[in-house]
Every structure is written in structure tokens, then in C-alpha cells.
């Protein structure tokens, strides 16, 4: 499963986005995300685009958390 780690400066939000996991709702299409506060959520393309990529040393704890909850086949892109 592909994952990308991003940081949204405005919300001080480090999160993982799964770009191939599309969720459709009555509000539109969203991507599946996982926040550093241990919560799955949905992210809009707008939110993703206003966030920046982070270096491995910054997202490493979040990557480990994902692996601990069962995401053992992650491909960081």
C-alpha cells in the first residue's frame, strides 16, 4: 500500500495519506489519511496540496505506529 507523509503548517498536523485509497461520499472524493494523534480520517486534495512533504526522520515515529497497528506492507512514496 502506498503512503506519503505530509505536514500541514497551518494546523500543525503531521499525517500519512494513502493516495490510492479513494473514498467517495456525498461531499465528494477524499483520500484516506492517518493522523499522528492515532486517528483515521479523510483528506481533501486541497488539504493535501497545501501541505508539504517531510523528511524520514520527522515521520519515522508515525510510520512505526502504522506498522504496529497492522500496516506492514507500506511503500513510502
C-alpha atoms as a PDB file:
ATOM      1  CA  UNK A   1       0.000   0.000   0.000  1.00  0.00           C
ATOM      2  CA  UNK A   2       1.398   3.396  -0.988  1.00  0.00           C
ATOM      3  CA  UNK A   3       1.758   6.083   1.673  1.00  0.00           C
ATOM      4  CA  UNK A   4       3.033   9.643   1.692  1.00  0.00           C
ATOM      5  CA  UNK A   5       3.862  11.635   4.820  1.00  0.00           C
ATOM      6  CA  UNK A   6       2.908  15.302   4.897  1.00  0.00           C
ATOM      7  CA  UNK A   7       2.821  18.226   7.293  1.00  0.00           C
ATOM      8  CA  UNK A   8       0.217  20.968   7.280  1.00  0.00           C
ATOM      9  CA  UNK A   9       1.797  24.086   8.772  1.00  0.00           C
ATOM     10  CA  UNK A  10      -1.453  25.923   9.488  1.00  0.00           C
ATOM     11  CA  UNK A  11      -2.875  23.070  11.566  1.00  0.00           C
ATOM     12  CA  UNK A  12       0.475  21.749  12.843  1.00  0.00           C
ATOM     13  CA  UNK A  13      -0.662  18.400  11.507  1.00  0.00           C
ATOM     14  CA  UNK A  14       1.685  15.544  10.609  1.00  0.00           C
ATOM     15  CA  UNK A  15      -0.268  12.891   8.738  1.00  0.00           C
ATOM     16  CA  UNK A  16       0.007   9.942   6.394  1.00  0.00           C
ATOM     17  CA  UNK A  17      -2.029   9.949   3.215  1.00  0.00           C
ATOM     18  CA  UNK A  18      -2.837   6.822   1.230  1.00  0.00           C
ATOM     19  CA  UNK A  19      -3.131   8.267  -2.303  1.00  0.00           C
ATOM     20  CA  UNK A  20      -4.635   5.150  -3.875  1.00  0.00           C
ATOM     21  CA  UNK A  21      -7.318   4.772  -1.196  1.00  0.00           C
ATOM     22  CA  UNK A  22     -10.162   6.915  -2.567  1.00  0.00           C
ATOM     23  CA  UNK A  23     -13.338   7.303  -0.534  1.00  0.00           C
ATOM     24  CA  UNK A  24     -16.470   8.641  -2.208  1.00  0.00           C
ATOM     25  CA  UNK A  25     -19.113  10.430  -0.165  1.00  0.00           C
ATOM     26  CA  UNK A  26     -21.979  12.806  -0.772  1.00  0.00           C
ATOM     27  CA  UNK A  27     -19.428  15.601  -0.243  1.00  0.00           C
ATOM     28  CA  UNK A  28     -17.047  14.405  -2.968  1.00  0.00           C
ATOM     29  CA  UNK A  29     -13.933  12.246  -3.265  1.00  0.00           C
ATOM     30  CA  UNK A  30     -11.373  12.089  -0.480  1.00  0.00           C
ATOM     31  CA  UNK A  31      -8.196  10.205   0.267  1.00  0.00           C
ATOM     32  CA  UNK A  32      -7.742   8.032   3.315  1.00  0.00           C
ATOM     33  CA  UNK A  33      -5.400   9.550   5.921  1.00  0.00           C
ATOM     34  CA  UNK A  34      -3.967   8.723   9.319  1.00  0.00           C
ATOM     35  CA  UNK A  35      -3.038  11.418  11.816  1.00  0.00           C
ATOM     36  CA  UNK A  36      -0.267  11.415  14.388  1.00  0.00           C
ATOM     37  CA  UNK A  37      -2.957  11.544  17.066  1.00  0.00           C
ATOM     38  CA  UNK A  38      -3.833   7.956  16.167  1.00  0.00           C
ATOM     39  CA  UNK A  39      -6.915   8.543  14.113  1.00  0.00           C
ATOM     40  CA  UNK A  40      -8.063   7.569  10.624  1.00  0.00           C
ATOM     41  CA  UNK A  41      -9.719  10.335   8.650  1.00  0.00           C
ATOM     42  CA  UNK A  42     -10.386  11.628   5.169  1.00  0.00           C
ATOM     43  CA  UNK A  43      -8.351  14.350   3.448  1.00  0.00           C
ATOM     44  CA  UNK A  44      -9.341  16.553   0.566  1.00  0.00           C
ATOM     45  CA  UNK A  45      -6.962  17.149  -2.312  1.00  0.00           C
ATOM     46  CA  UNK A  46      -6.944  20.809  -1.283  1.00  0.00           C
ATOM     47  CA  UNK A  47      -5.671  19.968   2.210  1.00  0.00           C
ATOM     48  CA  UNK A  48      -3.076  17.606   0.779  1.00  0.00           C
ATOM     49  CA  UNK A  49      -1.885  20.211  -1.728  1.00  0.00           C
ATOM     50  CA  UNK A  50      -1.438  22.884   0.929  1.00  0.00           C
ATOM     51  CA  UNK A  51       0.730  20.506   2.992  1.00  0.00           C
ATOM     52  CA  UNK A  52       4.411  19.781   2.460  1.00  0.00           C
ATOM     53  CA  UNK A  53       6.402  16.562   2.341  1.00  0.00           C
ATOM     54  CA  UNK A  54       8.586  15.757   5.331  1.00  0.00           C
ATOM     55  CA  UNK A  55      11.912  14.010   5.750  1.00  0.00           C
ATOM     56  CA  UNK A  56      12.062  10.406   7.036  1.00  0.00           C
ATOM     57  CA  UNK A  57      13.439  11.373  10.449  1.00  0.00           C
ATOM     58  CA  UNK A  58      10.369  13.546  11.009  1.00  0.00           C
ATOM     59  CA  UNK A  59       7.747  10.935  10.029  1.00  0.00           C
ATOM     60  CA  UNK A  60       9.563   7.816  11.306  1.00  0.00           C
ATOM     61  CA  UNK A  61       7.522   7.589  14.566  1.00  0.00           C
ATOM     62  CA  UNK A  62       4.259   7.781  12.600  1.00  0.00           C
ATOM     63  CA  UNK A  63       5.488   5.122  10.176  1.00  0.00           C
ATOM     64  CA  UNK A  64       6.302   2.847  13.119  1.00  0.00           C
ATOM     65  CA  UNK A  65       2.858   3.467  14.607  1.00  0.00           C
ATOM     66  CA  UNK A  66       1.223   2.443  11.338  1.00  0.00           C
ATOM     67  CA  UNK A  67       3.286  -0.739  11.258  1.00  0.00           C
ATOM     68  CA  UNK A  68       2.301  -1.547  14.859  1.00  0.00           C
ATOM     69  CA  UNK A  69      -1.403  -1.365  14.027  1.00  0.00           C
ATOM     70  CA  UNK A  70      -1.084  -3.715  11.060  1.00  0.00           C
ATOM     71  CA  UNK A  71       0.135  -1.710   8.089  1.00  0.00           C
ATOM     72  CA  UNK A  72       3.054  -4.000   7.306  1.00  0.00           C
ATOM     73  CA  UNK A  73       3.174  -3.639   3.518  1.00  0.00           C
ATOM     74  CA  UNK A  74       3.733   0.118   3.201  1.00  0.00           C
ATOM     75  CA  UNK A  75       5.599   1.663   0.288  1.00  0.00           C
ATOM     76  CA  UNK A  76       6.658   5.226   1.126  1.00  0.00           C
ATOM     77  CA  UNK A  77       6.421   7.416  -1.950  1.00  0.00           C
END
